[in-house]
N, C-alpha and C. Protein backbone atom coordinates (compact mmCIF):
# COMPACT_ATOMS: atom_id res chain seq x y z
N MET A 1 -15.67 -7.31 4.84
CA MET A 1 -16.12 -8.40 3.64
C MET A 1 -17.41 -7.79 3.51
N THR A 2 -17.92 -8.03 2.37
CA THR A 2 -19.15 -7.68 1.73
C THR A 2 -20.38 -8.68 2.10
N SER A 3 -21.31 -8.76 2.00
CA SER A 3 -22.29 -9.33 2.19
C SER A 3 -22.21 -10.44 1.43
N SER A 4 -21.47 -10.58 -0.02
CA SER A 4 -21.22 -11.49 -1.01
C SER A 4 -19.87 -12.23 -0.74
N GLY A 5 -19.53 -12.16 0.19
CA GLY A 5 -18.20 -12.55 0.92
C GLY A 5 -16.95 -12.15 0.17
N ILE A 6 -17.12 -11.16 -0.87
CA ILE A 6 -15.71 -10.17 -1.44
C ILE A 6 -14.97 -9.46 -0.30
N THR A 7 -13.91 -9.68 -0.28
CA THR A 7 -13.03 -8.37 0.41
C THR A 7 -13.10 -7.50 -0.02
N ALA A 8 -13.19 -5.92 0.60
CA ALA A 8 -13.14 -4.94 -0.33
C ALA A 8 -11.78 -3.91 0.77
N VAL A 9 -10.74 -3.76 0.10
CA VAL A 9 -9.61 -3.10 0.74
C VAL A 9 -9.69 -1.33 0.01
N ALA A 10 -9.28 -0.56 0.72
CA ALA A 10 -8.68 0.77 0.02
C ALA A 10 -7.14 1.22 0.30
N LEU A 11 -6.51 1.17 -0.75
CA LEU A 11 -4.95 1.56 -0.60
C LEU A 11 -4.98 3.08 -1.14
N ALA A 12 -3.52 3.40 -0.54
CA ALA A 12 -2.91 4.54 -1.26
C ALA A 12 -1.59 4.37 -1.47
N VAL A 13 -1.05 5.02 -2.67
CA VAL A 13 -0.16 5.43 -3.47
C VAL A 13 0.69 6.69 -2.72
N LEU A 14 0.80 6.64 -1.69
CA LEU A 14 1.56 7.93 -1.07
C LEU A 14 2.66 8.41 -1.69
N GLU A 15 2.57 9.31 -2.55
CA GLU A 15 3.55 10.12 -3.35
C GLU A 15 4.32 11.46 -2.93
N ARG A 16 5.68 11.16 -2.64
CA ARG A 16 6.54 12.54 -2.22
C ARG A 16 7.49 12.77 -3.24
N GLN A 17 7.62 13.75 -4.24
CA GLN A 17 8.77 14.00 -5.02
C GLN A 17 8.95 12.69 -5.78
N GLY A 18 7.98 12.28 -6.84
CA GLY A 18 8.18 11.51 -7.74
C GLY A 18 8.58 9.67 -6.93
N ARG A 19 8.66 9.71 -5.41
CA ARG A 19 8.83 8.30 -4.76
C ARG A 19 7.26 8.18 -3.83
N TRP A 20 7.40 6.84 -3.88
CA TRP A 20 6.40 5.99 -3.27
C TRP A 20 6.40 5.50 -1.45
N LEU A 21 5.88 6.11 -0.61
CA LEU A 21 6.10 5.47 0.66
C LEU A 21 5.02 4.30 0.88
N ILE A 22 5.98 3.24 1.07
CA ILE A 22 5.34 1.87 0.92
C ILE A 22 5.69 1.37 2.56
N GLN A 23 4.87 0.62 2.86
CA GLN A 23 4.99 -0.39 4.28
C GLN A 23 5.25 -1.77 3.64
N LEU A 24 6.49 -2.33 5.27
CA LEU A 24 6.63 -3.66 5.04
C LEU A 24 5.77 -4.30 5.95
N ARG A 25 4.95 -5.40 5.74
CA ARG A 25 3.64 -6.07 5.97
C ARG A 25 4.32 -7.08 7.15
N ASP A 26 3.80 -7.12 8.28
CA ASP A 26 4.24 -7.98 9.05
C ASP A 26 4.86 -9.35 8.68
N ASP A 27 5.39 -10.19 9.27
CA ASP A 27 5.85 -11.82 8.92
C ASP A 27 4.63 -12.39 9.67
N ARG A 28 3.47 -12.52 9.40
CA ARG A 28 2.27 -13.10 10.15
C ARG A 28 2.00 -14.02 8.96
N ASP A 29 1.95 -15.38 8.87
CA ASP A 29 0.93 -16.07 8.26
C ASP A 29 -0.50 -15.84 7.90
N THR A 30 -1.07 -15.01 8.84
CA THR A 30 -2.45 -14.64 8.67
C THR A 30 -2.93 -13.24 8.12
N ILE A 31 -2.05 -12.45 7.57
CA ILE A 31 -2.42 -11.43 6.79
C ILE A 31 -2.12 -11.78 5.34
N VAL A 32 -2.27 -11.17 4.18
CA VAL A 32 -2.04 -11.02 3.00
C VAL A 32 -0.57 -10.44 3.05
N ALA A 33 -0.04 -11.00 2.04
CA ALA A 33 1.58 -10.76 1.82
C ALA A 33 2.55 -10.55 2.66
N PRO A 34 2.16 -11.48 3.75
CA PRO A 34 3.39 -11.34 4.80
C PRO A 34 4.71 -11.12 4.50
N GLY A 35 5.17 -10.16 5.19
CA GLY A 35 6.62 -9.90 4.74
C GLY A 35 7.30 -9.27 3.42
N ARG A 36 6.21 -8.32 3.26
CA ARG A 36 6.25 -7.96 1.45
C ARG A 36 6.08 -6.64 1.91
N TRP A 37 6.53 -5.67 0.75
CA TRP A 37 6.21 -4.36 0.87
C TRP A 37 4.82 -4.15 0.16
N GLY A 38 4.29 -3.54 0.87
CA GLY A 38 2.66 -3.06 -0.09
C GLY A 38 2.76 -1.47 0.04
N LEU A 39 1.18 -1.50 -0.18
CA LEU A 39 0.73 0.09 -0.26
C LEU A 39 -0.24 0.28 1.24
N PHE A 40 -0.27 1.55 2.17
CA PHE A 40 -0.71 1.67 3.28
C PHE A 40 -2.45 1.47 2.92
N GLY A 41 -2.96 1.05 3.68
CA GLY A 41 -4.48 0.88 3.63
C GLY A 41 -4.91 -0.37 4.27
N GLY A 42 -6.19 -0.87 3.87
CA GLY A 42 -6.93 -1.87 4.28
C GLY A 42 -8.16 -2.21 3.97
N HIS A 43 -9.07 -2.99 4.92
CA HIS A 43 -9.94 -3.80 4.87
C HIS A 43 -10.93 -2.70 4.78
N MET A 44 -12.53 -2.31 3.94
CA MET A 44 -12.79 -1.27 4.43
C MET A 44 -14.08 -1.78 5.55
N GLU A 45 -14.68 -1.42 6.54
CA GLU A 45 -15.61 -1.43 7.35
C GLU A 45 -16.63 -1.14 6.74
N PRO A 46 -18.09 -2.04 7.47
CA PRO A 46 -19.66 -2.12 6.85
C PRO A 46 -19.96 -0.59 6.95
N GLY A 47 -20.47 -0.18 5.89
CA GLY A 47 -21.34 1.04 5.72
C GLY A 47 -20.05 2.45 5.13
N GLU A 48 -18.55 2.42 5.12
CA GLU A 48 -17.80 2.91 4.93
C GLU A 48 -17.28 3.01 3.03
N THR A 49 -17.21 4.54 2.73
CA THR A 49 -16.85 4.33 1.17
C THR A 49 -15.50 3.99 1.29
N PRO A 50 -14.85 3.81 0.02
CA PRO A 50 -13.73 3.61 -0.06
C PRO A 50 -12.66 4.88 0.52
N GLU A 51 -13.20 5.97 0.31
CA GLU A 51 -12.17 7.35 1.01
C GLU A 51 -12.40 7.06 2.12
N GLN A 52 -13.53 6.92 2.67
CA GLN A 52 -13.72 7.13 4.23
C GLN A 52 -12.68 5.94 5.07
N SER A 53 -12.65 4.66 4.22
CA SER A 53 -11.82 3.80 4.69
C SER A 53 -10.23 3.99 4.73
N LEU A 54 -9.71 4.42 3.49
CA LEU A 54 -8.43 4.95 3.37
C LEU A 54 -8.02 5.93 4.08
N ARG A 55 -8.63 6.85 4.67
CA ARG A 55 -8.40 8.09 5.69
C ARG A 55 -8.48 7.37 6.91
N ARG A 56 -9.18 6.52 7.11
CA ARG A 56 -9.35 5.95 8.57
C ARG A 56 -8.05 5.13 8.24
N GLU A 57 -7.67 4.53 7.89
CA GLU A 57 -6.65 3.48 7.68
C GLU A 57 -5.22 4.18 7.85
N LEU A 58 -5.20 5.18 6.88
CA LEU A 58 -4.25 6.10 7.47
C LEU A 58 -3.98 6.41 8.36
N LEU A 59 -4.73 6.98 9.16
CA LEU A 59 -4.51 7.30 10.53
C LEU A 59 -4.03 6.29 11.34
N GLU A 60 -4.73 5.30 11.38
CA GLU A 60 -4.59 4.04 12.38
C GLU A 60 -2.95 3.34 11.78
N GLU A 61 -2.37 3.45 10.45
CA GLU A 61 -1.34 3.04 10.66
C GLU A 61 -0.22 4.09 10.21
N ILE A 62 -0.34 5.08 10.13
CA ILE A 62 0.85 6.13 10.10
C ILE A 62 0.86 7.41 10.82
N GLY A 63 -0.70 7.67 11.27
CA GLY A 63 -1.29 9.01 12.07
C GLY A 63 -0.79 10.12 11.19
N PHE A 64 -1.15 9.62 9.68
CA PHE A 64 -1.20 10.80 8.57
C PHE A 64 -2.88 11.40 8.37
N SER A 65 -3.31 12.59 8.28
CA SER A 65 -4.32 12.59 7.63
C SER A 65 -4.32 13.63 6.44
N SER A 66 -4.84 13.29 5.62
CA SER A 66 -4.21 13.86 4.42
C SER A 66 -5.32 14.63 3.68
N GLY A 67 -4.68 15.35 2.61
CA GLY A 67 -5.58 16.30 2.22
C GLY A 67 -6.48 15.58 0.99
N PRO A 68 -6.30 16.06 -0.24
CA PRO A 68 -7.31 15.37 -1.45
C PRO A 68 -6.77 14.05 -1.84
N VAL A 69 -7.64 13.34 -1.83
CA VAL A 69 -7.07 11.87 -2.54
C VAL A 69 -7.88 11.60 -3.73
N THR A 70 -7.29 11.28 -4.65
CA THR A 70 -7.69 10.98 -5.82
C THR A 70 -7.98 9.23 -6.32
N PRO A 71 -8.92 9.21 -6.66
CA PRO A 71 -9.43 7.42 -6.95
C PRO A 71 -8.28 7.23 -8.49
N TRP A 72 -7.72 6.11 -8.37
CA TRP A 72 -6.77 5.87 -9.51
C TRP A 72 -7.24 4.67 -10.38
N PHE A 73 -7.47 3.44 -9.63
CA PHE A 73 -8.21 2.71 -10.08
C PHE A 73 -8.94 1.33 -9.05
N ARG A 74 -9.77 0.43 -9.99
CA ARG A 74 -10.45 -0.44 -8.93
C ARG A 74 -9.80 -1.72 -9.73
N SER A 75 -9.76 -2.78 -9.18
CA SER A 75 -9.93 -3.98 -9.32
C SER A 75 -10.07 -5.26 -8.60
N ALA A 76 -10.45 -5.96 -9.34
CA ALA A 76 -11.19 -7.05 -8.51
C ALA A 76 -10.07 -8.59 -8.92
N ALA A 77 -9.57 -9.33 -7.98
CA ALA A 77 -9.51 -10.69 -8.17
C ALA A 77 -9.63 -11.60 -6.90
N GLY A 78 -9.56 -12.79 -7.08
CA GLY A 78 -9.47 -13.65 -5.89
C GLY A 78 -10.41 -13.29 -4.65
N GLY A 79 -11.40 -13.06 -5.01
CA GLY A 79 -12.48 -12.65 -3.91
C GLY A 79 -12.12 -11.14 -3.10
N ARG A 80 -11.28 -10.72 -3.87
CA ARG A 80 -11.00 -9.21 -3.21
C ARG A 80 -11.01 -8.18 -4.32
N VAL A 81 -11.91 -6.84 -3.47
CA VAL A 81 -11.89 -5.63 -4.57
C VAL A 81 -10.69 -4.87 -3.95
N ARG A 82 -10.03 -4.49 -5.09
CA ARG A 82 -9.29 -3.31 -4.12
C ARG A 82 -9.48 -1.96 -4.84
N HIS A 83 -9.47 -0.74 -4.11
CA HIS A 83 -9.96 0.57 -4.63
C HIS A 83 -8.43 1.43 -4.18
N VAL A 84 -7.54 1.85 -5.49
CA VAL A 84 -6.78 2.39 -5.27
C VAL A 84 -6.83 3.91 -5.38
N PHE A 85 -6.05 4.67 -4.24
CA PHE A 85 -5.95 6.02 -4.48
C PHE A 85 -4.63 6.80 -4.53
N ARG A 86 -4.37 7.83 -5.20
CA ARG A 86 -3.08 8.71 -5.35
C ARG A 86 -3.31 9.76 -4.04
N VAL A 87 -2.42 9.65 -3.23
CA VAL A 87 -2.37 10.89 -2.04
C VAL A 87 -0.81 11.51 -2.04
N ASP A 88 -1.20 12.74 -2.15
CA ASP A 88 0.33 13.57 -2.11
C ASP A 88 0.79 13.45 -0.49
N LEU A 89 1.74 12.90 -0.38
CA LEU A 89 2.64 12.81 0.82
C LEU A 89 2.98 14.53 1.11
N HIS A 90 2.24 15.17 2.00
CA HIS A 90 2.73 16.30 1.91
C HIS A 90 3.88 16.76 3.03
N ILE A 91 4.09 15.94 4.08
CA ILE A 91 5.28 16.14 5.19
C ILE A 91 6.04 14.73 5.14
N GLU A 92 7.13 15.10 5.58
CA GLU A 92 8.68 14.46 5.73
C GLU A 92 8.08 12.97 6.07
N PRO A 93 8.35 12.04 5.91
CA PRO A 93 8.06 10.49 6.25
C PRO A 93 8.64 10.69 7.81
N ALA A 94 9.82 11.15 8.22
CA ALA A 94 10.05 11.00 9.69
C ALA A 94 9.24 11.99 10.31
N GLN A 95 8.10 12.57 9.70
CA GLN A 95 7.15 12.76 11.16
C GLN A 95 6.12 12.16 11.07
N LEU A 96 6.39 10.98 10.53
CA LEU A 96 4.94 9.77 10.61
C LEU A 96 5.33 8.82 11.55
N GLN A 97 4.25 8.15 12.11
CA GLN A 97 4.93 7.05 13.15
C GLN A 97 4.21 6.02 12.70
N LEU A 98 4.88 4.75 12.34
CA LEU A 98 4.36 3.81 11.91
C LEU A 98 4.02 2.61 13.09
N HIS A 99 2.78 2.40 12.73
CA HIS A 99 1.70 1.65 13.80
C HIS A 99 1.64 0.24 13.26
N GLU A 100 1.63 0.12 12.20
CA GLU A 100 1.62 -1.47 11.86
C GLU A 100 2.24 -1.58 10.56
N GLY A 101 2.96 -2.60 10.59
CA GLY A 101 3.82 -3.05 9.84
C GLY A 101 5.19 -3.49 10.10
N GLN A 102 6.00 -3.44 9.72
CA GLN A 102 7.56 -3.76 10.60
C GLN A 102 8.52 -2.56 9.87
N ASP A 103 8.04 -2.32 9.07
CA ASP A 103 9.23 -0.52 8.47
C ASP A 103 8.42 0.21 7.34
N MET A 104 9.03 1.25 6.99
CA MET A 104 8.56 2.02 5.77
C MET A 104 9.42 2.68 5.19
N ALA A 105 9.14 2.92 4.02
CA ALA A 105 10.26 3.47 3.08
C ALA A 105 9.96 4.10 1.68
N LEU A 106 10.69 5.10 1.40
CA LEU A 106 10.19 6.44 0.47
C LEU A 106 10.81 5.45 -0.85
N ALA A 107 10.13 5.03 -1.75
CA ALA A 107 11.38 4.03 -2.63
C ALA A 107 10.83 4.88 -4.07
N SER A 108 11.96 5.09 -5.05
CA SER A 108 11.85 5.30 -6.39
C SER A 108 11.35 4.37 -7.22
N LEU A 109 11.02 4.79 -8.41
CA LEU A 109 10.31 3.58 -9.35
C LEU A 109 11.27 2.58 -10.05
N GLU A 110 12.31 3.12 -9.92
CA GLU A 110 13.53 2.43 -10.20
C GLU A 110 13.50 1.61 -9.25
N GLU A 111 13.32 1.51 -7.91
CA GLU A 111 13.77 0.60 -6.73
C GLU A 111 12.42 -0.44 -6.96
N LEU A 112 11.17 -0.13 -7.21
CA LEU A 112 10.24 -0.48 -6.97
C LEU A 112 10.34 -1.62 -8.55
N GLY A 113 10.90 -0.87 -9.53
CA GLY A 113 10.75 -1.74 -10.65
C GLY A 113 11.71 -3.21 -10.38
N SER A 114 12.80 -3.08 -9.56
CA SER A 114 13.58 -4.04 -9.27
C SER A 114 12.72 -5.51 -8.80
N GLY A 115 11.73 -5.27 -7.81
CA GLY A 115 10.70 -6.21 -7.33
C GLY A 115 11.22 -6.49 -6.35
N ARG A 116 12.16 -5.84 -5.42
CA ARG A 116 12.70 -6.08 -4.24
C ARG A 116 12.82 -4.33 -3.42
N VAL A 117 12.74 -4.24 -2.41
CA VAL A 117 13.29 -3.24 -1.38
C VAL A 117 13.83 -3.25 -0.52
N TRP A 118 14.87 -2.37 -0.45
CA TRP A 118 15.57 -2.36 1.36
C TRP A 118 15.08 -2.19 2.37
N SER A 119 15.21 -3.21 3.18
CA SER A 119 14.40 -2.61 4.73
C SER A 119 15.44 -1.83 5.44
N PRO A 120 15.47 -0.54 5.77
CA PRO A 120 16.23 -0.01 6.65
C PRO A 120 16.38 -0.88 8.02
N ARG A 121 15.15 -0.88 8.64
CA ARG A 121 15.10 -1.97 9.88
C ARG A 121 15.56 -3.10 10.14
N LEU A 122 15.26 -3.69 9.07
CA LEU A 122 15.76 -5.54 9.04
C LEU A 122 17.07 -5.37 8.22
N GLY A 123 17.61 -4.59 7.75
CA GLY A 123 18.71 -4.68 7.07
C GLY A 123 18.66 -5.88 5.91
N GLN A 124 17.51 -6.14 5.01
CA GLN A 124 17.29 -6.94 4.30
C GLN A 124 16.51 -6.44 2.83
N LEU A 125 16.68 -7.11 1.61
CA LEU A 125 15.51 -7.10 0.93
C LEU A 125 14.55 -7.68 0.91
N ARG A 126 13.49 -6.96 0.75
CA ARG A 126 11.93 -7.69 0.68
C ARG A 126 11.31 -7.90 -0.71
N PRO A 127 10.56 -8.21 -0.76
CA PRO A 127 9.87 -8.40 -2.35
C PRO A 127 8.43 -7.47 -2.09
N LEU A 128 7.76 -7.42 -3.23
CA LEU A 128 6.84 -6.84 -3.24
C LEU A 128 5.36 -7.42 -3.33
N ALA A 129 4.37 -6.88 -2.55
CA ALA A 129 3.19 -7.20 -2.36
C ALA A 129 2.43 -7.31 -3.90
N PRO A 130 1.78 -8.16 -4.34
CA PRO A 130 0.86 -8.21 -5.51
C PRO A 130 0.11 -6.74 -5.62
N SER A 131 -0.49 -6.26 -4.57
CA SER A 131 -1.16 -5.11 -4.98
C SER A 131 -0.07 -3.96 -5.33
N LEU A 132 1.09 -3.79 -4.36
CA LEU A 132 2.49 -2.86 -5.15
C LEU A 132 2.76 -3.20 -6.29
N GLN A 133 3.24 -4.15 -6.90
CA GLN A 133 3.03 -4.83 -8.25
C GLN A 133 1.91 -4.08 -9.08
N GLU A 134 0.87 -4.69 -8.55
CA GLU A 134 -0.26 -4.04 -9.90
C GLU A 134 -0.26 -2.81 -9.93
N ALA A 135 0.18 -1.90 -9.00
CA ALA A 135 0.12 -0.47 -8.97
C ALA A 135 0.97 0.18 -9.93
N LEU A 136 2.38 -0.67 -9.35
CA LEU A 136 3.67 -0.57 -10.26
C LEU A 136 3.34 -0.63 -11.97
N ALA A 137 2.81 -1.59 -11.68
CA ALA A 137 2.32 -2.19 -13.75
C ALA A 137 1.82 -0.79 -14.10
N ARG A 138 0.70 -0.48 -13.67
CA ARG A 138 -0.38 0.49 -14.14
C ARG A 138 0.60 1.65 -14.54
N GLN A 139 1.59 1.98 -13.32
CA GLN A 139 2.13 3.63 -13.00
C GLN A 139 3.32 3.17 -14.81
N LEU A 140 3.99 1.99 -14.41
CA LEU A 140 4.83 1.58 -15.96
C LEU A 140 4.35 1.40 -17.16
N ARG A 141 2.93 0.64 -16.97
CA ARG A 141 2.58 0.26 -18.33
C ARG A 141 2.88 -1.18 -18.74
N VAL A 142 3.26 -1.74 -17.85
CA VAL A 142 4.01 -2.76 -17.97
C VAL A 142 3.24 -4.35 -17.29
N GLN A 143 3.61 -5.57 -17.33
CA GLN A 143 2.80 -6.51 -16.57
C GLN A 143 3.70 -6.34 -15.47
N PRO A 144 2.99 -6.87 -14.23
CA PRO A 144 3.82 -7.14 -12.93
C PRO A 144 4.85 -7.87 -12.82
N THR A 145 6.00 -7.50 -12.09
CA THR A 145 6.93 -8.69 -11.84
C THR A 145 6.57 -9.56 -10.92
N ARG A 146 7.22 -11.04 -10.98
CA ARG A 146 7.21 -11.91 -9.82
C ARG A 146 8.40 -11.75 -9.51
N PRO A 147 8.65 -11.74 -7.97
CA PRO A 147 9.91 -12.12 -7.34
C PRO A 147 9.96 -13.31 -7.14
N SER A 148 11.38 -13.68 -7.08
CA SER A 148 11.95 -14.92 -7.21
C SER A 148 11.78 -15.60 -5.52
């Protein structure tokens, strides 16, 4: 959180062969978008740049050390600033270790566009977090969908 009370986060659209690696967030009411599919990343620590924060979060959450990261967009809403990057996932997802969240999945834009993605671990469909909806909308140049 910044001194002005704004929460800043850095998030990654991890891309592999036209698909996005996404994280199923824990079912805890104390976090943003519990039980929904979101982007990997998280809160920026004091003194960190968005890129430094993103690299730290990817290591913490999935043990991934990325190559170049490309800033994609910045958005602000509801007291939160999102710095979103595009990152090439140059390794197989099976080589990653999930340390935060319930599941991860490599989803096509078509799957994401449905508003729900299947969780192999939980055996159920789960909705998308607002941050993922926003990134998808920017990718597809349409308004975010609202899961029912």
